[in-house]
Structure formats: structure tokens, C-alpha cells
Amino acid sequence: MFDTLETPASTSFINFEAQQIITPNLSHGERLIWAGQPRQGFFLQAADIFMIPFSLAWGGFAIFWTLTAYFSGAPWFFVLWGTPFVAVGLWLMVGRFFTDSRSRAKTYYAVTDKRVLFVKAGKNQQTTSVDLKSVGDITFVQYGSGRGSILFGVSFPYPQAAKIYAASARQGKNIPMFNQVDRAKEVYDQIMRAKDSSKE
């Protein structure tokens, strides 16, 4: 997934595709340290332990209701009334995984010597950033295979709370985060060094 870019000053690793997306968002003189993306493809997270049974129960009941109404000759109102619930059930069971995968495919992260950036590519590209001088607490969550999440501007009462939040909030809509990035400890170390340097 990563194309490694070695520089004389550091052993930064930069995803080439992410670099192409991020570079136009940099200000004059701003130096890119790292760029990457969240984990790609389909995968389950801890929150799915609860979501999968719920989605099966919702979708199963909605489909049963609608089919029963249809085959029993009930008025069309009852069939039509059940259709939106079937649609929601199918999205919960299957569609949300495609939506999540497509969203992550268009999500790019970056660390510079001044800030961390979050870019949602597409026709209406959205870019947000957090200044390293004022970011506050940075929380690191480690998973297996070197993958992990990094949350910005928030502290948690105990480590497991951060892991639970990161697992349930995949895209970091409420708390800015790099979610499910490869070589996360190295990325975290780069961020902390950049944060320290920004204070000098």
C-alpha cells in the first residue's frame, strides 16, 4: 500500500497517491512528512458485534412483514409501508459496508511540519486540518499487524475507551482521527516529533 520515500533528513514514508491529493492543499513552505489512507476494502470492527445481529433482526422482520403483506393479499398500503424498512434493513446488513469502503477509498491523511490534514477527495473535495501547536492531547490506539488509529484533541479515561471509540466511529466524524492506518506507531512518532518541533 505504501511507496516508501526516503529523505536525507528522515525515514518518512509517503503513499504516492495520497501525496498527489494532499500536495495542492499545502501552504507555501509547508513540508509534507507523511501521507496515507485508512485501511482499504471490507473488514469488520468491534462495533459490528452489535450491529450485525441488530441489522439481521431489523432486516429480517421488515422483509417478513412486507412479504407476508404481499402474499396474503393485504392492501397495497401495508406493502408500501414496509418497503422503506426493507431498504433500511438491506443497507444495515450489506449496504453500509460498501458505503464505508467507498468513503475510505476517498479519504486521505497527512502530517506536515505544521498540521495534520484530512482530505475527502471527490467532485466536492473537503479538506480539514488541525494545527499541531494547538492540537492538545493525541491518543494512539494499536491493533495487530502494525495497524492503528490516532485521535486528535481528546483524552480518554482509560486506553480501552479510545479503542472502543475508534472502532465505532470509523471515519472520525466527531473527533479528528487517522483511522486504521498502517505502520501506525511510526506515524504517531512522526506526529509527536512534528508537534514538538512546532513549539520551538
N, C-alpha and C. Protein backbone atom coordinates (compact mmCIF):
# COMPACT_ATOMS: atom_id res chain seq x y z
N MET A 1 0.82 -1.20 0.00
CA MET A 1 0.00 0.00 0.00
C MET A 1 0.85 1.25 0.00
N PHE A 2 2.02 1.20 0.63
CA PHE A 2 2.85 2.38 0.76
C PHE A 2 4.02 2.33 -0.22
N ASP A 3 4.28 3.44 -0.86
CA ASP A 3 5.51 3.65 -1.60
C ASP A 3 6.43 4.39 -0.67
N THR A 4 7.58 3.81 -0.37
CA THR A 4 8.47 4.41 0.61
C THR A 4 9.32 5.49 -0.03
N LEU A 5 9.36 6.63 0.61
CA LEU A 5 10.15 7.75 0.14
C LEU A 5 11.18 8.08 1.20
N GLU A 6 12.42 7.84 0.92
CA GLU A 6 13.48 8.12 1.86
C GLU A 6 14.00 9.54 1.61
N THR A 7 14.17 10.32 2.65
CA THR A 7 14.72 11.66 2.53
C THR A 7 15.97 11.74 3.39
N PRO A 8 16.89 12.62 3.07
CA PRO A 8 18.11 12.73 3.85
C PRO A 8 17.85 13.05 5.31
N ALA A 9 16.76 13.80 5.59
CA ALA A 9 16.52 14.25 6.96
C ALA A 9 15.80 13.21 7.79
N SER A 10 15.07 12.30 7.17
CA SER A 10 14.28 11.36 7.94
C SER A 10 13.98 10.13 7.11
N THR A 11 13.31 9.18 7.72
CA THR A 11 12.90 7.98 7.00
C THR A 11 11.39 8.03 6.81
N SER A 12 10.88 9.15 6.30
CA SER A 12 9.46 9.33 6.08
C SER A 12 8.97 8.33 5.04
N PHE A 13 7.74 7.91 5.15
CA PHE A 13 7.13 7.02 4.17
C PHE A 13 5.84 7.67 3.71
N ILE A 14 5.73 7.83 2.42
CA ILE A 14 4.63 8.60 1.86
C ILE A 14 3.94 7.79 0.77
N ASN A 15 2.64 7.62 0.90
CA ASN A 15 1.82 6.98 -0.12
C ASN A 15 1.75 7.92 -1.31
N PHE A 16 2.15 7.43 -2.49
CA PHE A 16 2.27 8.32 -3.65
C PHE A 16 0.91 8.90 -4.04
N GLU A 17 -0.13 8.08 -4.06
CA GLU A 17 -1.46 8.57 -4.42
C GLU A 17 -1.92 9.64 -3.43
N ALA A 18 -1.70 9.39 -2.14
CA ALA A 18 -2.07 10.37 -1.12
C ALA A 18 -1.27 11.65 -1.29
N GLN A 19 -0.01 11.52 -1.64
CA GLN A 19 0.83 12.70 -1.84
C GLN A 19 0.27 13.58 -2.96
N GLN A 20 -0.20 12.95 -4.05
CA GLN A 20 -0.75 13.71 -5.16
C GLN A 20 -2.01 14.48 -4.76
N ILE A 21 -2.82 13.87 -3.87
CA ILE A 21 -4.04 14.52 -3.41
C ILE A 21 -3.75 15.62 -2.41
N ILE A 22 -2.79 15.37 -1.53
CA ILE A 22 -2.51 16.28 -0.43
C ILE A 22 -1.73 17.51 -0.87
N THR A 23 -0.76 17.36 -1.75
CA THR A 23 0.17 18.44 -2.09
C THR A 23 -0.51 19.76 -2.47
N PRO A 24 -1.58 19.76 -3.28
CA PRO A 24 -2.21 21.04 -3.60
C PRO A 24 -2.81 21.77 -2.40
N ASN A 25 -2.98 21.04 -1.28
CA ASN A 25 -3.56 21.65 -0.08
C ASN A 25 -2.51 22.25 0.86
N LEU A 26 -1.25 22.11 0.52
CA LEU A 26 -0.18 22.61 1.38
C LEU A 26 0.04 24.10 1.13
N SER A 27 0.37 24.79 2.20
CA SER A 27 0.69 26.22 2.07
C SER A 27 2.15 26.39 1.68
N HIS A 28 2.50 27.60 1.28
CA HIS A 28 3.87 27.87 0.84
C HIS A 28 4.86 27.58 1.97
N GLY A 29 5.86 26.77 1.67
CA GLY A 29 6.89 26.45 2.64
C GLY A 29 6.54 25.32 3.58
N GLU A 30 5.34 24.80 3.49
CA GLU A 30 4.92 23.70 4.38
C GLU A 30 5.52 22.39 3.88
N ARG A 31 6.09 21.61 4.77
CA ARG A 31 6.79 20.39 4.40
C ARG A 31 5.96 19.16 4.74
N LEU A 32 5.74 18.29 3.76
CA LEU A 32 5.00 17.06 3.95
C LEU A 32 5.89 16.01 4.59
N ILE A 33 5.45 15.45 5.71
CA ILE A 33 6.21 14.43 6.43
C ILE A 33 5.67 13.03 6.14
N TRP A 34 4.36 12.90 6.14
CA TRP A 34 3.73 11.59 5.89
C TRP A 34 2.37 11.80 5.23
N ALA A 35 2.00 10.87 4.37
CA ALA A 35 0.67 10.88 3.77
C ALA A 35 0.23 9.44 3.55
N GLY A 36 -1.04 9.17 3.80
CA GLY A 36 -1.54 7.81 3.64
C GLY A 36 -3.05 7.77 3.65
N GLN A 37 -3.58 6.57 3.76
CA GLN A 37 -5.01 6.35 3.76
C GLN A 37 -5.40 5.38 4.86
N PRO A 38 -6.68 5.37 5.25
CA PRO A 38 -7.13 4.34 6.18
C PRO A 38 -7.12 2.97 5.51
N ARG A 39 -7.28 1.95 6.29
CA ARG A 39 -7.35 0.59 5.76
C ARG A 39 -8.42 0.51 4.68
N GLN A 40 -8.09 -0.18 3.58
CA GLN A 40 -9.00 -0.26 2.45
C GLN A 40 -9.75 -1.59 2.42
N GLY A 41 -10.82 -1.62 1.64
CA GLY A 41 -11.58 -2.85 1.46
C GLY A 41 -12.63 -3.05 2.54
N PHE A 42 -13.13 -4.29 2.62
CA PHE A 42 -14.18 -4.65 3.58
C PHE A 42 -13.53 -5.33 4.79
N PHE A 43 -13.95 -4.93 5.98
CA PHE A 43 -13.48 -5.59 7.19
C PHE A 43 -14.45 -5.30 8.32
N LEU A 44 -14.42 -6.15 9.32
CA LEU A 44 -15.29 -5.99 10.48
C LEU A 44 -14.54 -5.29 11.60
N GLN A 45 -15.29 -4.50 12.39
CA GLN A 45 -14.72 -3.88 13.58
C GLN A 45 -15.55 -4.30 14.79
N ALA A 46 -15.07 -3.89 15.96
CA ALA A 46 -15.71 -4.32 17.20
C ALA A 46 -17.18 -3.95 17.24
N ALA A 47 -17.54 -2.78 16.72
CA ALA A 47 -18.93 -2.33 16.75
C ALA A 47 -19.85 -3.27 15.99
N ASP A 48 -19.30 -4.01 15.04
CA ASP A 48 -20.12 -4.91 14.23
C ASP A 48 -20.64 -6.11 15.04
N ILE A 49 -20.05 -6.35 16.19
CA ILE A 49 -20.57 -7.41 17.07
C ILE A 49 -22.01 -7.10 17.46
N PHE A 50 -22.32 -5.81 17.59
CA PHE A 50 -23.68 -5.40 17.94
C PHE A 50 -24.50 -5.06 16.68
N MET A 51 -23.84 -4.47 15.68
CA MET A 51 -24.57 -4.03 14.50
C MET A 51 -25.08 -5.18 13.65
N ILE A 52 -24.31 -6.24 13.54
CA ILE A 52 -24.73 -7.36 12.67
C ILE A 52 -25.99 -8.04 13.19
N PRO A 53 -26.06 -8.43 14.48
CA PRO A 53 -27.33 -9.00 14.96
C PRO A 53 -28.50 -8.04 14.85
N PHE A 54 -28.25 -6.75 15.15
CA PHE A 54 -29.32 -5.76 15.04
C PHE A 54 -29.81 -5.63 13.60
N SER A 55 -28.87 -5.58 12.65
CA SER A 55 -29.26 -5.42 11.25
C SER A 55 -30.01 -6.64 10.74
N LEU A 56 -29.61 -7.83 11.18
CA LEU A 56 -30.30 -9.05 10.76
C LEU A 56 -31.72 -9.09 11.34
N ALA A 57 -31.85 -8.66 12.59
CA ALA A 57 -33.18 -8.65 13.22
C ALA A 57 -34.08 -7.64 12.52
N TRP A 58 -33.56 -6.45 12.30
CA TRP A 58 -34.34 -5.39 11.63
C TRP A 58 -34.72 -5.82 10.22
N GLY A 59 -33.70 -6.20 9.45
CA GLY A 59 -33.95 -6.56 8.06
C GLY A 59 -34.83 -7.78 7.93
N GLY A 60 -34.60 -8.77 8.78
CA GLY A 60 -35.40 -9.99 8.71
C GLY A 60 -36.87 -9.72 8.98
N PHE A 61 -37.14 -8.93 10.02
CA PHE A 61 -38.53 -8.62 10.35
C PHE A 61 -39.19 -7.80 9.26
N ALA A 62 -38.45 -6.80 8.71
CA ALA A 62 -39.01 -5.93 7.67
C ALA A 62 -39.34 -6.74 6.42
N ILE A 63 -38.44 -7.65 6.04
CA ILE A 63 -38.68 -8.48 4.86
C ILE A 63 -39.86 -9.42 5.10
N PHE A 64 -39.89 -10.03 6.30
CA PHE A 64 -41.00 -10.94 6.64
C PHE A 64 -42.34 -10.19 6.59
N TRP A 65 -42.38 -9.00 7.19
CA TRP A 65 -43.62 -8.21 7.21
C TRP A 65 -44.09 -7.90 5.79
N THR A 66 -43.16 -7.42 4.96
CA THR A 66 -43.51 -6.98 3.61
C THR A 66 -43.97 -8.15 2.74
N LEU A 67 -43.24 -9.26 2.82
CA LEU A 67 -43.61 -10.43 2.02
C LEU A 67 -44.94 -11.02 2.49
N THR A 68 -45.14 -11.03 3.80
CA THR A 68 -46.41 -11.54 4.33
C THR A 68 -47.58 -10.69 3.84
N ALA A 69 -47.38 -9.37 3.87
CA ALA A 69 -48.43 -8.46 3.40
C ALA A 69 -48.70 -8.66 1.92
N TYR A 70 -47.64 -8.88 1.16
CA TYR A 70 -47.79 -9.04 -0.30
C TYR A 70 -48.52 -10.34 -0.65
N PHE A 71 -48.06 -11.45 -0.09
CA PHE A 71 -48.61 -12.75 -0.47
C PHE A 71 -49.97 -13.03 0.18
N SER A 72 -50.28 -12.30 1.24
CA SER A 72 -51.58 -12.52 1.88
C SER A 72 -52.68 -11.69 1.24
N GLY A 73 -52.34 -10.89 0.26
CA GLY A 73 -53.32 -10.08 -0.41
C GLY A 73 -53.77 -8.86 0.38
N ALA A 74 -52.94 -8.43 1.33
CA ALA A 74 -53.27 -7.24 2.12
C ALA A 74 -53.27 -6.01 1.22
N PRO A 75 -53.95 -4.95 1.64
CA PRO A 75 -53.96 -3.72 0.85
C PRO A 75 -52.53 -3.24 0.55
N TRP A 76 -52.34 -2.61 -0.61
CA TRP A 76 -51.02 -2.18 -1.03
C TRP A 76 -50.38 -1.20 -0.06
N PHE A 77 -51.19 -0.52 0.73
CA PHE A 77 -50.65 0.40 1.72
C PHE A 77 -49.68 -0.32 2.65
N PHE A 78 -50.04 -1.55 3.09
CA PHE A 78 -49.19 -2.28 4.03
C PHE A 78 -47.89 -2.73 3.37
N VAL A 79 -47.96 -3.08 2.08
CA VAL A 79 -46.75 -3.47 1.36
C VAL A 79 -45.83 -2.26 1.20
N LEU A 80 -46.44 -1.14 0.78
CA LEU A 80 -45.64 0.07 0.60
C LEU A 80 -45.08 0.59 1.92
N TRP A 81 -45.84 0.43 2.98
CA TRP A 81 -45.38 0.88 4.30
C TRP A 81 -44.13 0.11 4.75
N GLY A 82 -44.06 -1.15 4.38
CA GLY A 82 -42.91 -1.96 4.79
C GLY A 82 -41.68 -1.77 3.93
N THR A 83 -41.86 -1.24 2.71
CA THR A 83 -40.74 -1.13 1.77
C THR A 83 -39.58 -0.27 2.28
N PRO A 84 -39.82 0.92 2.86
CA PRO A 84 -38.69 1.70 3.39
C PRO A 84 -37.92 0.97 4.48
N PHE A 85 -38.63 0.19 5.30
CA PHE A 85 -37.96 -0.56 6.36
C PHE A 85 -37.09 -1.67 5.78
N VAL A 86 -37.56 -2.27 4.67
CA VAL A 86 -36.74 -3.27 3.98
C VAL A 86 -35.47 -2.62 3.43
N ALA A 87 -35.63 -1.43 2.84
CA ALA A 87 -34.48 -0.72 2.27
C ALA A 87 -33.45 -0.41 3.36
N VAL A 88 -33.93 0.08 4.51
CA VAL A 88 -33.02 0.37 5.62
C VAL A 88 -32.35 -0.91 6.11
N GLY A 89 -33.11 -1.99 6.21
CA GLY A 89 -32.56 -3.27 6.66
C GLY A 89 -31.48 -3.78 5.73
N LEU A 90 -31.70 -3.68 4.41
CA LEU A 90 -30.69 -4.13 3.45
C LEU A 90 -29.43 -3.28 3.53
N TRP A 91 -29.63 -1.96 3.76
CA TRP A 91 -28.45 -1.10 3.90
C TRP A 91 -27.66 -1.47 5.15
N LEU A 92 -28.36 -1.73 6.26
CA LEU A 92 -27.68 -2.11 7.50
C LEU A 92 -26.95 -3.43 7.36
N MET A 93 -27.56 -4.38 6.65
CA MET A 93 -26.97 -5.70 6.51
C MET A 93 -25.81 -5.73 5.52
N VAL A 94 -25.94 -5.00 4.41
CA VAL A 94 -24.95 -5.09 3.33
C VAL A 94 -24.45 -3.72 2.89
N GLY A 95 -25.37 -2.81 2.63
CA GLY A 95 -25.01 -1.54 2.01
C GLY A 95 -24.01 -0.70 2.77
N ARG A 96 -24.10 -0.73 4.09
CA ARG A 96 -23.21 0.13 4.88
C ARG A 96 -21.74 -0.24 4.70
N PHE A 97 -21.46 -1.52 4.41
CA PHE A 97 -20.08 -1.94 4.18
C PHE A 97 -19.55 -1.34 2.88
N PHE A 98 -20.40 -1.30 1.84
CA PHE A 98 -19.99 -0.69 0.58
C PHE A 98 -19.82 0.82 0.75
N THR A 99 -20.74 1.45 1.49
CA THR A 99 -20.65 2.89 1.73
C THR A 99 -19.37 3.23 2.48
N ASP A 100 -19.07 2.44 3.51
CA ASP A 100 -17.88 2.67 4.31
C ASP A 100 -16.61 2.47 3.48
N SER A 101 -16.58 1.40 2.68
CA SER A 101 -15.41 1.12 1.85
C SER A 101 -15.18 2.21 0.82
N ARG A 102 -16.25 2.67 0.19
CA ARG A 102 -16.13 3.74 -0.81
C ARG A 102 -15.65 5.04 -0.16
N SER A 103 -16.14 5.32 1.05
CA SER A 103 -15.74 6.54 1.75
C SER A 103 -14.25 6.49 2.10
N ARG A 104 -13.78 5.34 2.59
CA ARG A 104 -12.37 5.22 2.95
C ARG A 104 -11.46 5.28 1.73
N ALA A 105 -11.96 4.82 0.58
CA ALA A 105 -11.16 4.88 -0.64
C ALA A 105 -10.89 6.32 -1.07
N LYS A 106 -11.75 7.24 -0.64
CA LYS A 106 -11.60 8.64 -1.00
C LYS A 106 -11.03 9.48 0.14
N THR A 107 -10.61 8.83 1.22
CA THR A 107 -10.10 9.54 2.40
C THR A 107 -8.57 9.49 2.42
N TYR A 108 -7.97 10.64 2.67
CA TYR A 108 -6.52 10.75 2.71
C TYR A 108 -6.10 11.53 3.95
N TYR A 109 -4.99 11.09 4.55
CA TYR A 109 -4.45 11.74 5.74
C TYR A 109 -3.05 12.26 5.44
N ALA A 110 -2.64 13.27 6.19
CA ALA A 110 -1.28 13.77 6.02
C ALA A 110 -0.79 14.42 7.30
N VAL A 111 0.53 14.38 7.45
CA VAL A 111 1.21 15.08 8.54
C VAL A 111 2.24 15.99 7.90
N THR A 112 2.23 17.26 8.29
CA THR A 112 3.25 18.19 7.82
C THR A 112 3.99 18.72 9.03
N ASP A 113 4.91 19.63 8.80
CA ASP A 113 5.65 20.22 9.92
C ASP A 113 4.82 21.22 10.69
N LYS A 114 3.56 21.49 10.22
CA LYS A 114 2.71 22.47 10.88
C LYS A 114 1.37 21.92 11.35
N ARG A 115 0.84 20.89 10.69
CA ARG A 115 -0.52 20.43 10.99
C ARG A 115 -0.74 19.01 10.50
N VAL A 116 -1.91 18.48 10.87
CA VAL A 116 -2.38 17.22 10.30
C VAL A 116 -3.59 17.55 9.43
N LEU A 117 -3.70 16.85 8.29
CA LEU A 117 -4.75 17.15 7.33
C LEU A 117 -5.62 15.92 7.09
N PHE A 118 -6.89 16.20 6.80
CA PHE A 118 -7.86 15.17 6.47
C PHE A 118 -8.55 15.61 5.18
N VAL A 119 -8.39 14.83 4.13
CA VAL A 119 -8.94 15.21 2.83
C VAL A 119 -9.93 14.14 2.37
N LYS A 120 -11.12 14.58 2.01
CA LYS A 120 -12.13 13.71 1.40
C LYS A 120 -12.18 14.09 -0.07
N ALA A 121 -11.57 13.25 -0.92
CA ALA A 121 -11.47 13.55 -2.34
C ALA A 121 -12.80 13.32 -3.04
N GLY A 122 -12.93 13.88 -4.21
CA GLY A 122 -14.15 13.74 -4.98
C GLY A 122 -14.49 15.02 -5.70
N LYS A 123 -15.67 15.06 -6.28
CA LYS A 123 -16.11 16.23 -7.04
C LYS A 123 -16.11 17.47 -6.16
N ASN A 124 -16.62 17.35 -4.95
CA ASN A 124 -16.59 18.45 -3.99
C ASN A 124 -15.63 18.10 -2.87
N GLN A 125 -14.36 18.26 -3.13
CA GLN A 125 -13.33 17.86 -2.17
C GLN A 125 -13.43 18.67 -0.89
N GLN A 126 -13.29 17.95 0.23
CA GLN A 126 -13.35 18.60 1.53
C GLN A 126 -12.01 18.40 2.25
N THR A 127 -11.46 19.48 2.74
CA THR A 127 -10.18 19.43 3.45
C THR A 127 -10.32 20.10 4.81
N THR A 128 -9.94 19.39 5.84
CA THR A 128 -9.89 19.96 7.18
C THR A 128 -8.51 19.71 7.75
N SER A 129 -8.13 20.50 8.73
CA SER A 129 -6.80 20.33 9.32
C SER A 129 -6.81 20.73 10.79
N VAL A 130 -5.82 20.24 11.50
CA VAL A 130 -5.64 20.57 12.91
C VAL A 130 -4.22 21.07 13.10
N ASP A 131 -4.07 22.25 13.66
CA ASP A 131 -2.76 22.83 13.88
C ASP A 131 -2.03 22.08 14.98
N LEU A 132 -0.79 21.71 14.72
CA LEU A 132 -0.03 20.93 15.70
C LEU A 132 0.26 21.72 16.98
N LYS A 133 0.32 23.03 16.89
CA LYS A 133 0.60 23.84 18.08
C LYS A 133 -0.56 23.83 19.06
N SER A 134 -1.77 23.65 18.55
CA SER A 134 -2.94 23.75 19.41
C SER A 134 -3.77 22.46 19.45
N VAL A 135 -3.20 21.36 19.01
CA VAL A 135 -3.97 20.13 18.89
C VAL A 135 -4.38 19.54 20.23
N GLY A 136 -3.64 19.81 21.29
CA GLY A 136 -3.96 19.23 22.59
C GLY A 136 -3.50 17.78 22.67
N ASP A 137 -4.30 16.95 23.33
CA ASP A 137 -3.92 15.54 23.51
C ASP A 137 -3.99 14.78 22.20
N ILE A 138 -3.07 13.83 22.04
CA ILE A 138 -3.08 12.93 20.90
C ILE A 138 -3.07 11.51 21.45
N THR A 139 -4.06 10.72 21.08
CA THR A 139 -4.23 9.37 21.62
C THR A 139 -3.92 8.34 20.54
N PHE A 140 -3.09 7.38 20.89
CA PHE A 140 -2.68 6.33 19.95
C PHE A 140 -3.30 5.00 20.36
N VAL A 141 -3.93 4.33 19.38
CA VAL A 141 -4.54 3.02 19.61
C VAL A 141 -3.87 2.02 18.70
N GLN A 142 -3.29 0.97 19.26
CA GLN A 142 -2.55 -0.04 18.49
C GLN A 142 -3.40 -1.28 18.24
N TYR A 143 -3.42 -1.74 16.98
CA TYR A 143 -4.06 -3.00 16.63
C TYR A 143 -2.98 -3.99 16.22
N GLY A 144 -3.39 -5.09 15.63
CA GLY A 144 -2.42 -6.07 15.17
C GLY A 144 -1.81 -5.67 13.84
N SER A 145 -0.74 -6.35 13.46
CA SER A 145 -0.07 -6.16 12.17
C SER A 145 0.43 -4.74 11.96
N GLY A 146 0.70 -4.03 13.05
CA GLY A 146 1.25 -2.68 12.93
C GLY A 146 0.23 -1.62 12.62
N ARG A 147 -1.02 -2.00 12.50
CA ARG A 147 -2.07 -1.04 12.17
C ARG A 147 -2.60 -0.38 13.44
N GLY A 148 -3.10 0.86 13.32
CA GLY A 148 -3.63 1.53 14.49
C GLY A 148 -4.38 2.79 14.12
N SER A 149 -4.93 3.45 15.13
CA SER A 149 -5.65 4.71 14.93
C SER A 149 -5.05 5.78 15.83
N ILE A 150 -5.12 7.02 15.37
CA ILE A 150 -4.57 8.15 16.10
C ILE A 150 -5.65 9.21 16.20
N LEU A 151 -6.02 9.58 17.43
CA LEU A 151 -7.10 10.53 17.67
C LEU A 151 -6.53 11.84 18.18
N PHE A 152 -7.07 12.95 17.68
CA PHE A 152 -6.50 14.25 17.95
C PHE A 152 -7.43 15.12 18.80
N GLY A 153 -6.84 15.79 19.80
CA GLY A 153 -7.56 16.78 20.58
C GLY A 153 -8.47 16.22 21.65
N VAL A 154 -8.24 14.99 22.08
CA VAL A 154 -9.10 14.40 23.10
C VAL A 154 -8.30 13.38 23.91
N SER A 155 -8.65 13.28 25.18
CA SER A 155 -8.05 12.27 26.04
C SER A 155 -9.15 11.35 26.54
N PHE A 156 -8.80 10.12 26.84
CA PHE A 156 -9.77 9.13 27.32
C PHE A 156 -9.37 8.67 28.71
N PRO A 157 -10.36 8.34 29.56
CA PRO A 157 -10.06 7.95 30.93
C PRO A 157 -9.22 6.68 31.05
N TYR A 158 -9.35 5.79 30.07
CA TYR A 158 -8.54 4.58 30.07
C TYR A 158 -8.34 4.14 28.62
N PRO A 159 -7.25 3.43 28.29
CA PRO A 159 -6.91 3.09 26.91
C PRO A 159 -8.02 2.36 26.15
N GLN A 160 -8.73 1.47 26.83
CA GLN A 160 -9.76 0.70 26.14
C GLN A 160 -10.88 1.60 25.60
N ALA A 161 -11.13 2.72 26.28
CA ALA A 161 -12.18 3.64 25.83
C ALA A 161 -11.82 4.22 24.47
N ALA A 162 -10.56 4.55 24.26
CA ALA A 162 -10.12 5.08 22.97
C ALA A 162 -10.28 4.02 21.88
N LYS A 163 -9.97 2.77 22.21
CA LYS A 163 -10.09 1.69 21.23
C LYS A 163 -11.55 1.46 20.86
N ILE A 164 -12.42 1.52 21.85
CA ILE A 164 -13.86 1.34 21.59
C ILE A 164 -14.39 2.47 20.72
N TYR A 165 -13.99 3.70 21.02
CA TYR A 165 -14.45 4.83 20.21
C TYR A 165 -13.96 4.70 18.78
N ALA A 166 -12.67 4.42 18.60
CA ALA A 166 -12.10 4.33 17.26
C ALA A 166 -12.77 3.22 16.45
N ALA A 167 -13.15 2.14 17.12
CA ALA A 167 -13.78 1.02 16.43
C ALA A 167 -15.20 1.33 16.01
N SER A 168 -15.85 2.24 16.73
CA SER A 168 -17.26 2.53 16.44
C SER A 168 -17.45 3.76 15.56
N ALA A 169 -16.43 4.61 15.49
CA ALA A 169 -16.57 5.87 14.76
C ALA A 169 -15.68 5.89 13.53
N ARG A 170 -15.67 4.86 12.76
CA ARG A 170 -14.75 4.61 11.66
C ARG A 170 -14.14 5.83 10.99
N GLN A 171 -14.97 6.83 10.66
CA GLN A 171 -14.47 7.97 9.89
C GLN A 171 -14.11 9.19 10.72
N GLY A 172 -14.21 9.11 12.04
CA GLY A 172 -13.82 10.24 12.87
C GLY A 172 -14.64 11.49 12.62
N LYS A 173 -15.97 11.35 12.54
CA LYS A 173 -16.82 12.50 12.22
C LYS A 173 -16.90 13.48 13.37
N ASN A 174 -16.76 13.01 14.61
CA ASN A 174 -16.86 13.91 15.77
C ASN A 174 -15.49 14.27 16.33
N ILE A 175 -14.59 13.32 16.31
CA ILE A 175 -13.23 13.56 16.78
C ILE A 175 -12.27 13.30 15.61
N PRO A 176 -11.44 14.29 15.24
CA PRO A 176 -10.50 14.06 14.14
C PRO A 176 -9.59 12.89 14.44
N MET A 177 -9.44 11.98 13.48
CA MET A 177 -8.53 10.85 13.71
C MET A 177 -8.04 10.24 12.41
N PHE A 178 -6.85 9.67 12.47
CA PHE A 178 -6.34 8.81 11.43
C PHE A 178 -6.81 7.41 11.81
N ASN A 179 -7.71 6.85 11.05
CA ASN A 179 -8.33 5.59 11.43
C ASN A 179 -7.74 4.42 10.65
N GLN A 180 -7.29 3.40 11.38
CA GLN A 180 -6.81 2.16 10.78
C GLN A 180 -5.72 2.42 9.73
N VAL A 181 -4.64 3.09 10.15
CA VAL A 181 -3.52 3.33 9.23
C VAL A 181 -2.43 2.30 9.46
N ASP A 182 -1.70 1.96 8.40
CA ASP A 182 -0.58 1.03 8.51
C ASP A 182 0.61 1.71 9.18
N ARG A 183 1.44 0.90 9.81
CA ARG A 183 2.65 1.40 10.48
C ARG A 183 2.31 2.57 11.39
N ALA A 184 1.26 2.37 12.16
CA ALA A 184 0.68 3.47 12.94
C ALA A 184 1.64 4.03 13.99
N LYS A 185 2.43 3.18 14.61
CA LYS A 185 3.36 3.67 15.63
C LYS A 185 4.39 4.62 15.02
N GLU A 186 4.84 4.31 13.82
CA GLU A 186 5.79 5.19 13.15
C GLU A 186 5.13 6.52 12.79
N VAL A 187 3.87 6.46 12.35
CA VAL A 187 3.13 7.68 12.03
C VAL A 187 2.95 8.53 13.29
N TYR A 188 2.57 7.86 14.38
CA TYR A 188 2.39 8.56 15.66
C TYR A 188 3.69 9.23 16.10
N ASP A 189 4.81 8.53 15.98
CA ASP A 189 6.10 9.10 16.37
C ASP A 189 6.43 10.32 15.51
N GLN A 190 6.11 10.23 14.21
CA GLN A 190 6.34 11.38 13.32
C GLN A 190 5.51 12.58 13.77
N ILE A 191 4.27 12.32 14.14
CA ILE A 191 3.38 13.40 14.59
C ILE A 191 3.91 14.05 15.86
N MET A 192 4.34 13.24 16.81
CA MET A 192 4.83 13.77 18.07
C MET A 192 6.11 14.58 17.88
N ARG A 193 6.98 14.14 16.99
CA ARG A 193 8.19 14.90 16.70
C ARG A 193 7.84 16.23 16.03
N ALA A 194 6.88 16.17 15.09
CA ALA A 194 6.48 17.40 14.42
C ALA A 194 5.81 18.36 15.40
N LYS A 195 5.03 17.82 16.31
CA LYS A 195 4.37 18.64 17.32
C LYS A 195 5.39 19.32 18.21
N ASP A 196 6.39 18.58 18.66
CA ASP A 196 7.44 19.17 19.50
C ASP A 196 8.20 20.25 18.75
N SER A 197 8.49 19.99 17.47
CA SER A 197 9.24 20.97 16.68
C SER A 197 8.44 22.24 16.42
N SER A 198 7.10 22.08 16.34
CA SER A 198 6.26 23.25 16.05
C SER A 198 6.23 24.24 17.20
N LYS A 199 6.62 23.77 18.40
CA LYS A 199 6.62 24.64 19.58
C LYS A 199 7.90 25.45 19.70
N GLU A 200 8.91 25.06 18.96
CA GLU A 200 10.21 25.73 19.09
C GLU A 200 10.23 27.09 18.40
